[in-house]
């Protein structure tokens, strides 16, 4: 699959791939994965801010389960 990119953007992508020691295609895939993870983290942070009580309960439940599993 070929993406039409402006010349300067293509050069920037090539330079970043070169710096990472990766072929351009692999660098693009990894960049997409990083961006998807960043967006997931942002959505999660937003949810935690909008639902503080549920977040506290989830954290407390996790801590309780973690203590139980480490004691076993």
N, C-alpha and C. Protein backbone atom coordinates (compact mmCIF):
# COMPACT_ATOMS: atom_id res chain seq x y z
N UNK A 1 0.85 -1.17 0.00
CA UNK A 1 0.00 0.00 0.00
C UNK A 1 0.90 1.24 0.00
N UNK A 2 0.64 2.13 -0.89
CA UNK A 2 1.42 3.35 -0.97
C UNK A 2 0.56 4.54 -0.56
N UNK A 3 1.10 5.37 0.33
CA UNK A 3 0.39 6.56 0.77
C UNK A 3 0.99 7.78 0.10
N UNK A 4 0.17 8.62 -0.50
CA UNK A 4 0.70 9.85 -1.10
C UNK A 4 1.01 10.87 0.01
N UNK A 5 2.29 11.15 0.23
CA UNK A 5 2.71 12.09 1.27
C UNK A 5 3.45 13.26 0.64
N UNK A 6 3.33 14.44 1.20
CA UNK A 6 4.13 15.56 0.71
C UNK A 6 5.62 15.19 0.85
N UNK A 7 6.44 15.73 -0.02
CA UNK A 7 7.86 15.37 -0.02
C UNK A 7 8.52 15.58 1.33
N UNK A 8 8.25 16.69 2.00
CA UNK A 8 8.92 16.94 3.28
C UNK A 8 8.47 15.96 4.36
N UNK A 9 7.22 15.55 4.34
CA UNK A 9 6.74 14.59 5.31
C UNK A 9 7.37 13.23 5.06
N UNK A 10 7.47 12.86 3.80
CA UNK A 10 8.09 11.59 3.46
C UNK A 10 9.55 11.56 3.94
N UNK A 11 10.25 12.66 3.77
CA UNK A 11 11.64 12.75 4.23
C UNK A 11 11.72 12.66 5.75
N UNK A 12 10.76 13.29 6.44
CA UNK A 12 10.74 13.23 7.90
C UNK A 12 10.49 11.80 8.38
N UNK A 13 9.55 11.13 7.75
CA UNK A 13 9.26 9.74 8.12
C UNK A 13 10.48 8.87 7.85
N UNK A 14 11.11 9.06 6.71
CA UNK A 14 12.30 8.28 6.38
C UNK A 14 13.41 8.53 7.40
N UNK A 15 13.61 9.77 7.80
CA UNK A 15 14.64 10.10 8.77
C UNK A 15 14.35 9.45 10.13
N UNK A 16 13.09 9.48 10.53
CA UNK A 16 12.73 8.86 11.82
C UNK A 16 12.89 7.35 11.77
N UNK A 17 12.51 6.77 10.65
CA UNK A 17 12.70 5.32 10.49
C UNK A 17 14.19 4.98 10.51
N UNK A 18 14.99 5.78 9.82
CA UNK A 18 16.43 5.56 9.82
C UNK A 18 17.00 5.67 11.23
N UNK A 19 16.57 6.70 11.97
CA UNK A 19 17.04 6.88 13.35
C UNK A 19 16.68 5.69 14.22
N UNK A 20 15.52 5.10 13.96
CA UNK A 20 15.07 3.95 14.74
C UNK A 20 15.68 2.65 14.24
N UNK A 21 16.33 2.71 13.09
CA UNK A 21 16.92 1.50 12.52
C UNK A 21 15.88 0.54 11.97
N UNK A 22 14.78 1.09 11.48
CA UNK A 22 13.68 0.27 10.98
C UNK A 22 13.36 0.63 9.53
N UNK A 23 12.84 -0.34 8.78
CA UNK A 23 12.30 0.01 7.47
C UNK A 23 11.08 0.93 7.67
N UNK A 24 10.82 1.77 6.69
CA UNK A 24 9.74 2.76 6.81
C UNK A 24 8.40 2.09 7.14
N UNK A 25 8.07 1.01 6.47
CA UNK A 25 6.79 0.33 6.72
C UNK A 25 6.65 -0.11 8.17
N UNK A 26 7.70 -0.69 8.73
CA UNK A 26 7.66 -1.12 10.13
C UNK A 26 7.54 0.08 11.06
N UNK A 27 8.26 1.16 10.74
CA UNK A 27 8.20 2.35 11.58
C UNK A 27 6.79 2.92 11.58
N UNK A 28 6.14 2.95 10.41
CA UNK A 28 4.77 3.47 10.32
C UNK A 28 3.82 2.61 11.14
N UNK A 29 3.93 1.29 11.04
CA UNK A 29 3.07 0.40 11.83
C UNK A 29 3.27 0.66 13.32
N UNK A 30 4.53 0.76 13.74
CA UNK A 30 4.80 1.02 15.15
C UNK A 30 4.29 2.40 15.58
N UNK A 31 4.39 3.38 14.70
CA UNK A 31 3.86 4.71 15.01
C UNK A 31 2.34 4.66 15.18
N UNK A 32 1.67 3.90 14.33
CA UNK A 32 0.22 3.74 14.46
C UNK A 32 -0.14 3.04 15.77
N UNK A 33 0.65 2.04 16.14
CA UNK A 33 0.40 1.34 17.41
C UNK A 33 0.61 2.28 18.59
N UNK A 34 1.66 3.09 18.54
CA UNK A 34 1.91 4.05 19.63
C UNK A 34 0.77 5.05 19.73
N UNK A 35 0.28 5.53 18.59
CA UNK A 35 -0.82 6.50 18.60
C UNK A 35 -2.10 5.86 19.13
N UNK A 36 -2.38 4.64 18.74
CA UNK A 36 -3.57 3.95 19.26
C UNK A 36 -3.47 3.78 20.77
N UNK A 37 -2.29 3.43 21.27
CA UNK A 37 -2.09 3.27 22.71
C UNK A 37 -2.24 4.62 23.42
N UNK A 38 -1.70 5.69 22.83
CA UNK A 38 -1.83 7.03 23.41
C UNK A 38 -3.30 7.42 23.53
N UNK A 39 -4.08 7.14 22.47
CA UNK A 39 -5.50 7.47 22.50
C UNK A 39 -6.25 6.65 23.54
N UNK A 40 -5.89 5.38 23.67
CA UNK A 40 -6.51 4.53 24.69
C UNK A 40 -6.21 5.06 26.08
N UNK A 41 -4.97 5.47 26.32
CA UNK A 41 -4.61 6.04 27.62
C UNK A 41 -5.38 7.33 27.89
N UNK A 42 -5.52 8.16 26.86
CA UNK A 42 -6.25 9.42 27.01
C UNK A 42 -7.72 9.15 27.35
N UNK A 43 -8.34 8.20 26.66
CA UNK A 43 -9.74 7.86 26.94
C UNK A 43 -9.89 7.29 28.35
N UNK A 44 -8.92 6.47 28.76
CA UNK A 44 -8.96 5.89 30.10
C UNK A 44 -8.83 6.98 31.15
N UNK A 45 -7.89 7.89 30.95
CA UNK A 45 -7.73 9.01 31.88
C UNK A 45 -9.01 9.83 31.97
N UNK A 46 -9.64 10.10 30.83
CA UNK A 46 -10.90 10.85 30.82
C UNK A 46 -11.98 10.11 31.62
N UNK A 47 -12.07 8.79 31.42
CA UNK A 47 -13.08 8.00 32.14
C UNK A 47 -12.83 8.08 33.64
N UNK A 48 -11.58 7.93 34.04
CA UNK A 48 -11.25 7.97 35.47
C UNK A 48 -11.63 9.32 36.07
N UNK A 49 -11.40 10.41 35.33
CA UNK A 49 -11.76 11.74 35.82
C UNK A 49 -13.27 11.92 35.93
N UNK A 50 -14.03 11.35 35.00
CA UNK A 50 -15.49 11.50 35.01
C UNK A 50 -16.17 10.55 36.00
N UNK A 51 -15.48 9.49 36.41
CA UNK A 51 -16.08 8.48 37.29
C UNK A 51 -15.18 8.23 38.51
N UNK A 52 -14.97 9.24 39.34
CA UNK A 52 -14.02 9.06 40.45
C UNK A 52 -14.43 7.99 41.46
N UNK A 53 -15.73 7.86 41.73
CA UNK A 53 -16.16 6.85 42.71
C UNK A 53 -15.94 5.44 42.17
N UNK A 54 -16.32 5.23 40.90
CA UNK A 54 -16.09 3.91 40.29
C UNK A 54 -14.60 3.61 40.19
N UNK A 55 -13.81 4.62 39.89
CA UNK A 55 -12.37 4.43 39.78
C UNK A 55 -11.78 4.02 41.12
N UNK A 56 -12.20 4.70 42.19
CA UNK A 56 -11.71 4.35 43.52
C UNK A 56 -12.11 2.92 43.88
N UNK A 57 -13.36 2.55 43.56
CA UNK A 57 -13.83 1.20 43.87
C UNK A 57 -13.05 0.16 43.07
N UNK A 58 -12.78 0.45 41.82
CA UNK A 58 -12.02 -0.48 40.99
C UNK A 58 -10.60 -0.63 41.52
N UNK A 59 -10.00 0.48 41.91
CA UNK A 59 -8.64 0.44 42.46
C UNK A 59 -8.61 -0.34 43.76
N UNK A 60 -9.59 -0.09 44.61
CA UNK A 60 -9.66 -0.80 45.89
C UNK A 60 -9.85 -2.30 45.66
N UNK A 61 -10.74 -2.65 44.73
CA UNK A 61 -10.96 -4.06 44.40
C UNK A 61 -9.70 -4.73 43.87
N UNK A 62 -8.97 -4.01 43.01
CA UNK A 62 -7.72 -4.56 42.46
C UNK A 62 -6.71 -4.78 43.58
N UNK A 63 -6.56 -3.78 44.46
CA UNK A 63 -5.61 -3.91 45.56
C UNK A 63 -5.97 -5.07 46.46
N UNK A 64 -7.27 -5.24 46.72
CA UNK A 64 -7.72 -6.35 47.56
C UNK A 64 -7.41 -7.70 46.89
N UNK A 65 -7.71 -7.82 45.61
CA UNK A 65 -7.43 -9.07 44.88
C UNK A 65 -5.93 -9.32 44.81
N UNK A 66 -5.15 -8.28 44.62
CA UNK A 66 -3.70 -8.44 44.51
C UNK A 66 -3.11 -8.92 45.84
N UNK A 67 -3.59 -8.37 46.95
CA UNK A 67 -3.11 -8.81 48.27
C UNK A 67 -3.49 -10.27 48.49
N UNK A 68 -4.72 -10.65 48.12
CA UNK A 68 -5.16 -12.03 48.29
C UNK A 68 -4.33 -12.99 47.46
N UNK A 69 -4.02 -12.63 46.24
CA UNK A 69 -3.27 -13.54 45.36
C UNK A 69 -1.80 -13.64 45.78
N UNK A 70 -1.23 -12.56 46.33
CA UNK A 70 0.18 -12.61 46.73
C UNK A 70 0.33 -13.35 48.06
N UNK A 71 -0.74 -13.45 48.85
CA UNK A 71 -0.67 -14.16 50.12
C UNK A 71 -0.81 -15.67 49.93
N UNK A 72 -1.37 -16.06 48.79
CA UNK A 72 -1.62 -17.50 48.54
C UNK A 72 -0.37 -18.25 48.20
